[in-house]
Amino acid sequence: MPVDMNGYWKMISNDNFEEYMKALDVNVAIRKIALLLKPDKDIVQDGDHLTIKTLSTFKNYNMDFYVGKEFEEDLSGVDDRKCMTTVTWEGDKLVCVQKGEIEGRGWTQWVQGDELHLVREQRLLA
């Protein structure tokens, strides 16, 4: 059984986020706003069905998916793009890979103790 990610998680730190956004060519106005935010995550997990709500004072974003099933992710409210996304379990970590204008973009998320960790990354596709 995968790790339980249910809960309301508050951001503690956001290391190297500006460099990540620059590498993805996110426009400067959006970068400046994003750096000021401390979004929380509200995660509801029922087996392999997850709803992840990213909540901030500027904009909220909802992601609803089944682990292992590709879906179209609409990020128009985040960085104005759509992509095909697949989230899988790698051990106790959730790994997201997005296919679209920027191939292999994604993130890895896991729980350690009472903290939720999220690393945004560019992954090489096999």
N, C-alpha and C. Protein backbone atom coordinates (compact mmCIF):
# COMPACT_ATOMS: atom_id res chain seq x y z
N MET A 1 0.85 -1.19 0.00
CA MET A 1 0.00 0.00 0.00
C MET A 1 0.89 1.24 0.00
N PRO A 2 0.62 2.22 -0.89
CA PRO A 2 1.41 3.45 -0.94
C PRO A 2 1.26 4.25 0.35
N VAL A 3 2.18 5.17 0.53
CA VAL A 3 2.16 6.04 1.69
C VAL A 3 0.90 6.92 1.66
N ASP A 4 0.39 7.26 2.83
CA ASP A 4 -0.79 8.11 2.96
C ASP A 4 -0.38 9.57 2.91
N MET A 5 -0.83 10.29 1.89
CA MET A 5 -0.50 11.72 1.73
C MET A 5 -1.65 12.62 2.14
N ASN A 6 -2.74 12.04 2.66
CA ASN A 6 -3.88 12.85 3.09
C ASN A 6 -3.43 13.91 4.09
N GLY A 7 -3.97 15.11 3.92
CA GLY A 7 -3.69 16.14 4.91
C GLY A 7 -3.64 17.52 4.33
N TYR A 8 -3.49 18.48 5.22
CA TYR A 8 -3.33 19.88 4.85
C TYR A 8 -1.89 20.24 5.18
N TRP A 9 -1.13 20.65 4.18
CA TRP A 9 0.30 20.86 4.32
C TRP A 9 0.65 22.33 4.08
N LYS A 10 1.41 22.93 5.00
CA LYS A 10 1.82 24.34 4.88
C LYS A 10 3.26 24.40 4.38
N MET A 11 3.52 25.37 3.46
CA MET A 11 4.86 25.53 2.92
C MET A 11 5.79 26.11 3.98
N ILE A 12 6.96 25.48 4.07
CA ILE A 12 8.00 25.97 4.98
C ILE A 12 9.07 26.72 4.21
N SER A 13 9.51 26.15 3.09
CA SER A 13 10.54 26.81 2.29
C SER A 13 10.31 26.52 0.82
N ASN A 14 10.96 27.32 -0.03
CA ASN A 14 10.79 27.23 -1.47
C ASN A 14 12.14 27.48 -2.13
N ASP A 15 13.10 26.60 -1.91
CA ASP A 15 14.46 26.78 -2.37
C ASP A 15 14.58 26.65 -3.89
N ASN A 16 15.38 27.54 -4.50
CA ASN A 16 15.74 27.51 -5.92
C ASN A 16 14.55 27.63 -6.87
N PHE A 17 13.43 28.14 -6.40
CA PHE A 17 12.23 28.22 -7.23
C PHE A 17 12.41 29.21 -8.38
N GLU A 18 13.05 30.36 -8.12
CA GLU A 18 13.23 31.33 -9.20
C GLU A 18 14.10 30.76 -10.32
N GLU A 19 15.16 30.05 -9.98
CA GLU A 19 16.02 29.44 -11.00
C GLU A 19 15.24 28.41 -11.82
N TYR A 20 14.39 27.65 -11.16
CA TYR A 20 13.55 26.67 -11.85
C TYR A 20 12.62 27.37 -12.84
N MET A 21 11.96 28.44 -12.41
CA MET A 21 11.04 29.15 -13.30
C MET A 21 11.78 29.80 -14.47
N LYS A 22 12.97 30.34 -14.22
CA LYS A 22 13.77 30.92 -15.30
C LYS A 22 14.13 29.86 -16.33
N ALA A 23 14.53 28.69 -15.87
CA ALA A 23 14.91 27.61 -16.78
C ALA A 23 13.73 27.19 -17.66
N LEU A 24 12.51 27.35 -17.15
CA LEU A 24 11.32 27.00 -17.91
C LEU A 24 10.76 28.18 -18.69
N ASP A 25 11.47 29.30 -18.66
CA ASP A 25 11.09 30.49 -19.40
C ASP A 25 9.74 31.06 -18.97
N VAL A 26 9.46 30.99 -17.66
CA VAL A 26 8.25 31.61 -17.11
C VAL A 26 8.48 33.12 -17.10
N ASN A 27 7.49 33.88 -17.55
CA ASN A 27 7.70 35.32 -17.69
C ASN A 27 7.97 35.97 -16.33
N VAL A 28 8.71 37.08 -16.38
CA VAL A 28 9.22 37.72 -15.18
C VAL A 28 8.11 38.17 -14.23
N ALA A 29 6.99 38.66 -14.74
CA ALA A 29 5.89 39.11 -13.87
C ALA A 29 5.33 37.94 -13.06
N ILE A 30 5.09 36.81 -13.71
CA ILE A 30 4.58 35.63 -13.00
C ILE A 30 5.61 35.13 -12.00
N ARG A 31 6.90 35.16 -12.37
CA ARG A 31 7.95 34.72 -11.43
C ARG A 31 7.94 35.56 -10.17
N LYS A 32 7.85 36.87 -10.31
CA LYS A 32 7.89 37.77 -9.15
C LYS A 32 6.70 37.52 -8.22
N ILE A 33 5.52 37.32 -8.80
CA ILE A 33 4.34 37.03 -7.98
C ILE A 33 4.50 35.68 -7.29
N ALA A 34 4.92 34.67 -8.05
CA ALA A 34 5.06 33.31 -7.49
C ALA A 34 6.04 33.27 -6.33
N LEU A 35 7.10 34.06 -6.40
CA LEU A 35 8.10 34.06 -5.33
C LEU A 35 7.56 34.63 -4.02
N LEU A 36 6.52 35.45 -4.11
CA LEU A 36 5.93 36.05 -2.90
C LEU A 36 4.95 35.11 -2.21
N LEU A 37 4.49 34.09 -2.92
CA LEU A 37 3.44 33.21 -2.40
C LEU A 37 4.01 32.10 -1.52
N LYS A 38 3.23 31.68 -0.58
CA LYS A 38 3.53 30.51 0.26
C LYS A 38 2.32 29.58 0.19
N PRO A 39 2.13 28.90 -0.95
CA PRO A 39 0.92 28.09 -1.11
C PRO A 39 0.89 26.88 -0.18
N ASP A 40 -0.32 26.55 0.25
CA ASP A 40 -0.55 25.34 1.03
C ASP A 40 -1.04 24.26 0.08
N LYS A 41 -0.93 23.00 0.51
CA LYS A 41 -1.45 21.87 -0.25
C LYS A 41 -2.49 21.15 0.61
N ASP A 42 -3.65 20.91 0.01
CA ASP A 42 -4.70 20.12 0.64
C ASP A 42 -4.84 18.86 -0.20
N ILE A 43 -4.46 17.72 0.37
CA ILE A 43 -4.43 16.47 -0.39
C ILE A 43 -5.46 15.50 0.16
N VAL A 44 -6.29 14.99 -0.75
CA VAL A 44 -7.25 13.94 -0.42
C VAL A 44 -6.86 12.73 -1.26
N GLN A 45 -6.57 11.64 -0.59
CA GLN A 45 -6.13 10.41 -1.26
C GLN A 45 -7.07 9.28 -0.90
N ASP A 46 -7.59 8.62 -1.94
CA ASP A 46 -8.43 7.43 -1.76
C ASP A 46 -7.84 6.35 -2.64
N GLY A 47 -6.95 5.54 -2.09
CA GLY A 47 -6.23 4.54 -2.89
C GLY A 47 -5.35 5.24 -3.90
N ASP A 48 -5.57 4.95 -5.20
CA ASP A 48 -4.78 5.57 -6.26
C ASP A 48 -5.47 6.78 -6.88
N HIS A 49 -6.51 7.29 -6.24
CA HIS A 49 -7.16 8.52 -6.70
C HIS A 49 -6.75 9.64 -5.76
N LEU A 50 -6.16 10.70 -6.33
CA LEU A 50 -5.73 11.83 -5.52
C LEU A 50 -6.30 13.13 -6.05
N THR A 51 -6.65 14.00 -5.13
CA THR A 51 -7.00 15.37 -5.43
C THR A 51 -6.03 16.23 -4.65
N ILE A 52 -5.25 17.03 -5.38
CA ILE A 52 -4.28 17.92 -4.75
C ILE A 52 -4.70 19.34 -5.05
N LYS A 53 -5.02 20.08 -4.01
CA LYS A 53 -5.39 21.49 -4.16
C LYS A 53 -4.20 22.33 -3.68
N THR A 54 -3.72 23.19 -4.55
CA THR A 54 -2.66 24.13 -4.19
C THR A 54 -3.35 25.47 -3.95
N LEU A 55 -3.25 25.97 -2.73
CA LEU A 55 -4.04 27.13 -2.30
C LEU A 55 -3.13 28.30 -1.94
N SER A 56 -3.40 29.46 -2.52
CA SER A 56 -2.63 30.65 -2.19
C SER A 56 -3.55 31.88 -2.21
N THR A 57 -3.03 32.99 -1.77
CA THR A 57 -3.82 34.22 -1.77
C THR A 57 -3.99 34.77 -3.18
N PHE A 58 -3.17 34.34 -4.15
CA PHE A 58 -3.25 34.84 -5.52
C PHE A 58 -4.13 33.97 -6.40
N LYS A 59 -3.88 32.66 -6.41
CA LYS A 59 -4.61 31.76 -7.30
C LYS A 59 -4.56 30.35 -6.71
N ASN A 60 -5.65 29.63 -6.88
CA ASN A 60 -5.71 28.23 -6.45
C ASN A 60 -5.62 27.34 -7.68
N TYR A 61 -5.10 26.14 -7.48
CA TYR A 61 -4.97 25.18 -8.58
C TYR A 61 -5.36 23.80 -8.06
N ASN A 62 -6.23 23.11 -8.80
CA ASN A 62 -6.66 21.76 -8.41
C ASN A 62 -6.15 20.74 -9.42
N MET A 63 -5.67 19.63 -8.90
CA MET A 63 -5.19 18.52 -9.73
C MET A 63 -5.91 17.27 -9.24
N ASP A 64 -6.67 16.62 -10.13
CA ASP A 64 -7.45 15.44 -9.78
C ASP A 64 -7.06 14.33 -10.75
N PHE A 65 -6.53 13.22 -10.21
CA PHE A 65 -5.99 12.18 -11.09
C PHE A 65 -5.98 10.82 -10.42
N TYR A 66 -5.78 9.80 -11.25
CA TYR A 66 -5.54 8.43 -10.79
C TYR A 66 -4.09 8.09 -11.08
N VAL A 67 -3.40 7.57 -10.10
CA VAL A 67 -2.01 7.18 -10.26
C VAL A 67 -1.91 6.14 -11.38
N GLY A 68 -0.96 6.37 -12.29
CA GLY A 68 -0.71 5.44 -13.38
C GLY A 68 -1.52 5.68 -14.63
N LYS A 69 -2.47 6.63 -14.60
CA LYS A 69 -3.31 6.91 -15.77
C LYS A 69 -3.00 8.31 -16.30
N GLU A 70 -2.61 8.37 -17.59
CA GLU A 70 -2.30 9.65 -18.21
C GLU A 70 -3.56 10.50 -18.32
N PHE A 71 -3.44 11.81 -18.13
CA PHE A 71 -4.56 12.72 -18.24
C PHE A 71 -4.08 14.07 -18.78
N GLU A 72 -5.04 14.83 -19.35
CA GLU A 72 -4.68 16.17 -19.81
C GLU A 72 -4.75 17.12 -18.63
N GLU A 73 -3.66 17.81 -18.39
CA GLU A 73 -3.58 18.77 -17.29
C GLU A 73 -3.63 20.17 -17.89
N ASP A 74 -4.56 20.96 -17.41
CA ASP A 74 -4.74 22.33 -17.90
C ASP A 74 -4.08 23.28 -16.91
N LEU A 75 -2.93 23.83 -17.31
CA LEU A 75 -2.18 24.75 -16.46
C LEU A 75 -2.34 26.19 -16.92
N SER A 76 -3.44 26.47 -17.61
CA SER A 76 -3.64 27.82 -18.15
C SER A 76 -3.68 28.88 -17.05
N GLY A 77 -4.12 28.54 -15.88
CA GLY A 77 -4.13 29.49 -14.78
C GLY A 77 -2.82 29.60 -14.06
N VAL A 78 -1.88 28.70 -14.38
CA VAL A 78 -0.58 28.69 -13.71
C VAL A 78 0.48 29.29 -14.63
N ASP A 79 0.71 28.67 -15.78
CA ASP A 79 1.72 29.20 -16.71
C ASP A 79 1.27 29.08 -18.17
N ASP A 80 -0.04 29.10 -18.37
CA ASP A 80 -0.64 29.20 -19.71
C ASP A 80 -0.24 28.07 -20.66
N ARG A 81 -0.38 26.84 -20.23
CA ARG A 81 -0.12 25.71 -21.12
C ARG A 81 -0.97 24.52 -20.71
N LYS A 82 -1.06 23.56 -21.62
CA LYS A 82 -1.69 22.28 -21.35
C LYS A 82 -0.66 21.21 -21.64
N CYS A 83 -0.77 20.09 -20.96
CA CYS A 83 0.17 19.00 -21.19
C CYS A 83 -0.51 17.67 -20.85
N MET A 84 0.11 16.60 -21.27
CA MET A 84 -0.34 15.27 -20.88
C MET A 84 0.52 14.86 -19.68
N THR A 85 -0.12 14.45 -18.61
CA THR A 85 0.55 14.20 -17.34
C THR A 85 0.29 12.78 -16.87
N THR A 86 1.33 12.17 -16.33
CA THR A 86 1.22 10.86 -15.69
C THR A 86 1.91 10.93 -14.34
N VAL A 87 1.21 10.47 -13.31
CA VAL A 87 1.77 10.42 -11.96
C VAL A 87 1.85 8.95 -11.57
N THR A 88 3.02 8.51 -11.10
CA THR A 88 3.22 7.12 -10.69
C THR A 88 3.85 7.06 -9.31
N TRP A 89 3.75 5.88 -8.70
CA TRP A 89 4.46 5.63 -7.45
C TRP A 89 5.84 5.09 -7.78
N GLU A 90 6.86 5.63 -7.17
CA GLU A 90 8.21 5.06 -7.19
C GLU A 90 8.57 4.85 -5.72
N GLY A 91 8.30 3.64 -5.24
CA GLY A 91 8.44 3.39 -3.80
C GLY A 91 7.38 4.19 -3.06
N ASP A 92 7.80 4.99 -2.10
CA ASP A 92 6.89 5.83 -1.33
C ASP A 92 6.78 7.25 -1.87
N LYS A 93 7.28 7.48 -3.09
CA LYS A 93 7.26 8.82 -3.68
C LYS A 93 6.29 8.85 -4.86
N LEU A 94 5.56 9.96 -4.96
CA LEU A 94 4.75 10.23 -6.15
C LEU A 94 5.63 10.95 -7.14
N VAL A 95 5.65 10.47 -8.38
CA VAL A 95 6.48 11.08 -9.42
C VAL A 95 5.59 11.49 -10.58
N CYS A 96 5.65 12.76 -10.94
CA CYS A 96 4.84 13.32 -12.02
C CYS A 96 5.74 13.65 -13.20
N VAL A 97 5.32 13.23 -14.40
CA VAL A 97 6.01 13.59 -15.63
C VAL A 97 4.98 14.22 -16.57
N GLN A 98 5.31 15.40 -17.08
CA GLN A 98 4.42 16.13 -17.98
C GLN A 98 5.03 16.12 -19.39
N LYS A 99 4.19 15.83 -20.38
CA LYS A 99 4.62 15.86 -21.78
C LYS A 99 3.87 16.98 -22.48
N GLY A 100 4.61 17.80 -23.19
CA GLY A 100 3.99 18.92 -23.89
C GLY A 100 5.08 19.78 -24.48
N GLU A 101 4.89 21.10 -24.40
CA GLU A 101 5.87 21.99 -25.01
C GLU A 101 7.23 21.90 -24.33
N ILE A 102 7.26 21.53 -23.06
CA ILE A 102 8.52 21.30 -22.34
C ILE A 102 8.51 19.85 -21.88
N GLU A 103 9.20 19.00 -22.61
CA GLU A 103 9.17 17.56 -22.32
C GLU A 103 9.84 17.23 -20.99
N GLY A 104 9.23 16.30 -20.28
CA GLY A 104 9.84 15.77 -19.07
C GLY A 104 9.76 16.66 -17.85
N ARG A 105 9.00 17.71 -17.93
CA ARG A 105 8.82 18.58 -16.78
C ARG A 105 7.98 17.83 -15.75
N GLY A 106 8.23 18.04 -14.49
CA GLY A 106 7.42 17.36 -13.49
C GLY A 106 7.88 17.63 -12.08
N TRP A 107 7.54 16.70 -11.20
CA TRP A 107 7.87 16.85 -9.79
C TRP A 107 7.90 15.50 -9.10
N THR A 108 8.51 15.47 -7.95
CA THR A 108 8.51 14.31 -7.07
C THR A 108 8.05 14.79 -5.70
N GLN A 109 7.16 14.01 -5.07
CA GLN A 109 6.57 14.41 -3.80
C GLN A 109 6.58 13.21 -2.85
N TRP A 110 6.92 13.46 -1.58
CA TRP A 110 6.93 12.39 -0.59
C TRP A 110 6.73 12.98 0.81
N VAL A 111 6.35 12.10 1.72
CA VAL A 111 6.17 12.48 3.12
C VAL A 111 7.34 11.92 3.90
N GLN A 112 7.92 12.79 4.73
CA GLN A 112 9.00 12.38 5.63
C GLN A 112 8.68 12.95 7.01
N GLY A 113 8.40 12.06 7.93
CA GLY A 113 7.96 12.52 9.26
C GLY A 113 6.63 13.22 9.13
N ASP A 114 6.58 14.47 9.60
CA ASP A 114 5.34 15.24 9.50
C ASP A 114 5.45 16.34 8.44
N GLU A 115 6.35 16.14 7.46
CA GLU A 115 6.54 17.12 6.39
C GLU A 115 6.30 16.49 5.02
N LEU A 116 5.67 17.28 4.14
CA LEU A 116 5.50 16.91 2.74
C LEU A 116 6.62 17.60 1.96
N HIS A 117 7.36 16.83 1.20
CA HIS A 117 8.45 17.38 0.38
C HIS A 117 8.02 17.35 -1.08
N LEU A 118 8.36 18.41 -1.81
CA LEU A 118 8.04 18.52 -3.23
C LEU A 118 9.26 19.09 -3.93
N VAL A 119 9.74 18.35 -4.93
CA VAL A 119 10.86 18.82 -5.73
C VAL A 119 10.37 18.93 -7.17
N ARG A 120 10.45 20.13 -7.72
CA ARG A 120 10.11 20.34 -9.13
C ARG A 120 11.35 20.03 -9.95
N GLU A 121 11.14 19.40 -11.13
CA GLU A 121 12.33 18.99 -11.86
C GLU A 121 12.05 18.81 -13.34
N GLN A 122 13.12 18.77 -14.08
CA GLN A 122 13.09 18.44 -15.50
C GLN A 122 13.67 17.04 -15.58
N ARG A 123 12.89 16.06 -16.05
CA ARG A 123 13.32 14.66 -16.14
C ARG A 123 13.60 14.31 -17.59
N LEU A 124 14.59 13.49 -17.79
CA LEU A 124 14.87 12.98 -19.13
C LEU A 124 13.90 11.83 -19.42
N LEU A 125 13.30 11.85 -20.58
CA LEU A 125 12.37 10.80 -20.97
C LEU A 125 13.11 9.68 -21.66
N ALA A 126 12.77 8.46 -21.32
CA ALA A 126 13.42 7.30 -21.93
C ALA A 126 12.84 7.03 -23.30
